[in-house]
N, C-alpha and C. Protein backbone atom coordinates (compact mmCIF):
# COMPACT_ATOMS: atom_id res chain seq x y z
N MET A 1 51.57 -49.58 42.76
CA MET A 1 50.71 -48.91 41.82
C MET A 1 49.36 -49.64 41.80
N SER A 2 48.29 -48.88 41.78
CA SER A 2 46.96 -49.48 41.80
C SER A 2 46.50 -49.83 40.39
N ILE A 3 45.55 -50.76 40.31
CA ILE A 3 45.03 -51.20 39.02
C ILE A 3 43.88 -50.28 38.60
N ASP A 4 43.77 -50.03 37.32
CA ASP A 4 42.71 -49.18 36.80
C ASP A 4 41.36 -49.84 37.03
N ARG A 5 40.33 -49.03 37.27
CA ARG A 5 39.00 -49.57 37.57
C ARG A 5 38.45 -50.40 36.42
N SER A 6 38.76 -50.04 35.20
CA SER A 6 38.23 -50.77 34.05
C SER A 6 38.88 -52.14 33.89
N LEU A 7 39.99 -52.38 34.55
CA LEU A 7 40.70 -53.65 34.42
C LEU A 7 40.42 -54.60 35.58
N ARG A 8 39.64 -54.19 36.52
CA ARG A 8 39.31 -55.06 37.65
C ARG A 8 38.38 -56.17 37.20
N SER A 9 38.31 -57.21 38.03
CA SER A 9 37.44 -58.33 37.69
C SER A 9 35.98 -57.90 37.78
N LYS A 10 35.12 -58.62 37.11
CA LYS A 10 33.70 -58.25 37.03
C LYS A 10 33.03 -58.25 38.39
N SER A 11 33.34 -59.21 39.23
CA SER A 11 32.67 -59.30 40.52
C SER A 11 32.97 -58.11 41.42
N SER A 12 34.14 -57.52 41.29
CA SER A 12 34.45 -56.37 42.13
C SER A 12 33.75 -55.12 41.64
N LEU A 13 33.31 -55.11 40.38
CA LEU A 13 32.59 -53.96 39.85
C LEU A 13 31.09 -54.07 40.09
N GLU A 14 30.60 -55.24 40.49
CA GLU A 14 29.18 -55.41 40.76
C GLU A 14 28.81 -54.72 42.05
N ARG A 15 27.80 -53.91 41.97
CA ARG A 15 27.30 -53.23 43.15
C ARG A 15 25.87 -52.82 42.89
N HIS A 16 25.22 -52.31 43.91
CA HIS A 16 23.82 -51.90 43.78
C HIS A 16 23.75 -50.67 42.87
N ARG A 17 22.82 -50.73 41.91
CA ARG A 17 22.61 -49.60 41.01
C ARG A 17 21.23 -49.02 41.27
N ASN A 18 21.15 -47.71 41.34
CA ASN A 18 19.86 -47.05 41.52
C ASN A 18 19.12 -46.90 40.21
N VAL A 19 19.83 -46.85 39.10
CA VAL A 19 19.23 -46.64 37.80
C VAL A 19 19.11 -47.98 37.09
N LEU A 20 17.90 -48.30 36.63
CA LEU A 20 17.66 -49.55 35.93
C LEU A 20 17.67 -49.29 34.42
N THR A 21 18.07 -50.29 33.67
CA THR A 21 18.00 -50.20 32.22
C THR A 21 16.55 -50.34 31.78
N ARG A 22 16.27 -50.01 30.54
CA ARG A 22 14.90 -50.08 30.03
C ARG A 22 14.34 -51.50 30.13
N THR A 23 15.16 -52.48 29.79
CA THR A 23 14.67 -53.87 29.85
C THR A 23 14.40 -54.29 31.29
N GLU A 24 15.22 -53.84 32.24
CA GLU A 24 14.99 -54.16 33.64
C GLU A 24 13.72 -53.49 34.15
N ARG A 25 13.45 -52.27 33.70
CA ARG A 25 12.23 -51.57 34.11
C ARG A 25 11.00 -52.27 33.54
N ILE A 26 11.07 -52.71 32.28
CA ILE A 26 9.94 -53.42 31.67
C ILE A 26 9.69 -54.74 32.41
N ALA A 27 10.78 -55.45 32.76
CA ALA A 27 10.63 -56.71 33.49
C ALA A 27 10.00 -56.47 34.86
N ALA A 28 10.38 -55.39 35.52
CA ALA A 28 9.81 -55.08 36.83
C ALA A 28 8.33 -54.73 36.69
N LEU A 29 7.98 -53.99 35.63
CA LEU A 29 6.57 -53.65 35.40
C LEU A 29 5.75 -54.90 35.09
N GLN A 30 6.34 -55.85 34.38
CA GLN A 30 5.64 -57.11 34.10
C GLN A 30 5.41 -57.88 35.38
N ASP A 31 6.37 -57.87 36.29
CA ASP A 31 6.21 -58.55 37.57
C ASP A 31 5.09 -57.91 38.39
N LEU A 32 4.97 -56.58 38.28
CA LEU A 32 3.92 -55.86 39.00
C LEU A 32 2.59 -55.88 38.25
N GLU A 33 2.57 -56.51 37.08
CA GLU A 33 1.40 -56.60 36.22
C GLU A 33 0.91 -55.21 35.81
N SER A 34 1.85 -54.27 35.60
CA SER A 34 1.52 -52.92 35.16
C SER A 34 1.92 -52.69 33.71
N TRP A 35 2.38 -53.71 33.03
CA TRP A 35 2.88 -53.58 31.67
C TRP A 35 1.98 -54.34 30.71
N SER A 36 1.63 -53.70 29.61
CA SER A 36 0.91 -54.38 28.56
C SER A 36 1.69 -54.21 27.26
N ASP A 37 1.46 -55.10 26.31
CA ASP A 37 2.22 -55.07 25.06
C ASP A 37 1.90 -53.84 24.21
N GLU A 38 0.77 -53.20 24.47
CA GLU A 38 0.41 -52.02 23.71
C GLU A 38 1.16 -50.78 24.16
N MET A 39 1.77 -50.81 25.33
CA MET A 39 2.47 -49.65 25.88
C MET A 39 3.77 -49.42 25.13
N SER A 40 4.18 -48.15 25.07
CA SER A 40 5.42 -47.79 24.42
C SER A 40 6.59 -48.01 25.38
N PRO A 41 7.73 -48.47 24.89
CA PRO A 41 8.89 -48.64 25.78
C PRO A 41 9.56 -47.32 26.13
N PHE A 42 9.08 -46.22 25.54
CA PHE A 42 9.63 -44.90 25.84
C PHE A 42 8.76 -44.20 26.86
N GLY A 43 9.36 -43.42 27.72
CA GLY A 43 8.60 -42.70 28.74
C GLY A 43 8.05 -43.60 29.82
N LEU A 44 8.80 -44.60 30.19
CA LEU A 44 8.36 -45.54 31.22
C LEU A 44 8.30 -44.84 32.58
N PRO A 45 7.40 -45.27 33.46
CA PRO A 45 7.37 -44.69 34.81
C PRO A 45 8.60 -45.11 35.60
N LYS A 46 8.95 -44.30 36.57
CA LYS A 46 10.08 -44.63 37.43
C LYS A 46 9.69 -45.79 38.33
N ILE A 47 10.68 -46.61 38.64
CA ILE A 47 10.45 -47.78 39.48
C ILE A 47 11.43 -47.73 40.64
N ALA A 48 10.91 -47.85 41.84
CA ALA A 48 11.78 -47.84 43.02
C ALA A 48 12.60 -49.11 43.03
N HIS A 49 13.90 -48.96 43.13
CA HIS A 49 14.80 -50.11 43.15
C HIS A 49 15.65 -49.99 44.39
N ARG A 50 15.21 -50.60 45.45
CA ARG A 50 15.89 -50.50 46.74
C ARG A 50 16.75 -51.73 46.97
N LYS A 51 17.85 -51.52 47.63
CA LYS A 51 18.71 -52.63 48.00
C LYS A 51 18.13 -53.28 49.25
N ALA A 52 17.93 -54.58 49.19
CA ALA A 52 17.36 -55.31 50.32
C ALA A 52 18.39 -55.42 51.43
N LYS A 53 17.95 -55.10 52.64
CA LYS A 53 18.83 -55.23 53.80
C LYS A 53 18.41 -56.45 54.60
N ALA A 54 19.38 -57.07 55.23
CA ALA A 54 19.08 -58.24 56.06
C ALA A 54 18.40 -57.76 57.34
N GLY A 55 17.35 -58.44 57.72
CA GLY A 55 16.63 -58.08 58.93
C GLY A 55 17.33 -58.60 60.16
N LYS A 56 16.94 -58.06 61.29
CA LYS A 56 17.53 -58.51 62.54
C LYS A 56 16.95 -59.87 62.92
N LYS A 57 17.78 -60.73 63.45
CA LYS A 57 17.34 -62.05 63.88
C LYS A 57 16.88 -61.99 65.33
N LYS A 58 15.93 -62.84 65.66
CA LYS A 58 15.45 -62.91 67.03
C LYS A 58 16.52 -63.58 67.89
N ALA A 59 16.45 -63.28 69.15
CA ALA A 59 17.41 -63.88 70.08
C ALA A 59 17.20 -65.38 70.17
N LYS A 60 18.27 -66.13 70.18
CA LYS A 60 18.18 -67.59 70.23
C LYS A 60 17.66 -68.07 71.58
N LYS A 61 17.92 -67.29 72.63
CA LYS A 61 17.49 -67.71 73.97
C LYS A 61 15.97 -67.84 74.04
N GLU A 62 15.27 -66.91 73.41
CA GLU A 62 13.81 -66.97 73.43
C GLU A 62 13.31 -68.21 72.70
N GLU A 63 13.91 -68.53 71.55
CA GLU A 63 13.50 -69.69 70.78
C GLU A 63 13.85 -70.99 71.50
N GLU A 64 15.05 -71.05 72.08
CA GLU A 64 15.47 -72.25 72.79
C GLU A 64 14.64 -72.47 74.05
N GLY A 65 14.30 -71.39 74.74
CA GLY A 65 13.51 -71.49 75.96
C GLY A 65 12.13 -72.04 75.66
N ALA A 66 11.56 -71.67 74.54
CA ALA A 66 10.22 -72.14 74.16
C ALA A 66 10.27 -73.63 73.81
N THR A 67 11.32 -74.10 73.18
CA THR A 67 11.41 -75.50 72.81
C THR A 67 11.73 -76.38 74.00
N THR A 68 12.53 -75.93 74.96
CA THR A 68 12.89 -76.76 76.11
C THR A 68 11.71 -76.86 77.07
N ASP A 69 10.89 -75.82 77.17
CA ASP A 69 9.73 -75.89 78.05
C ASP A 69 8.71 -76.90 77.54
N GLU A 70 8.55 -76.98 76.25
CA GLU A 70 7.60 -77.91 75.65
C GLU A 70 8.07 -79.36 75.73
N SER A 71 9.38 -79.57 75.67
CA SER A 71 9.88 -80.94 75.63
C SER A 71 9.98 -81.58 77.02
N SER A 72 10.03 -80.77 78.08
CA SER A 72 10.14 -81.36 79.42
C SER A 72 8.78 -81.91 79.87
N PRO A 73 8.74 -83.14 80.47
CA PRO A 73 7.46 -83.76 80.86
C PRO A 73 6.88 -83.24 82.10
């Protein structure tokens, strides 16, 4: 029998969310310097919240080849 989703541990329920809470949107606007204290917390603009993907790494052979050429006399 499987366990109910509400009873799972917190870490297994953590995942990327597309919808931000009001406080998260205000914090993001403050980081972008688009928020002032005079603004209303209602009717906030939408904020793109993308999940960061890991970039591709360069081939090690190219990096190693550059270092060995420089070190040889």
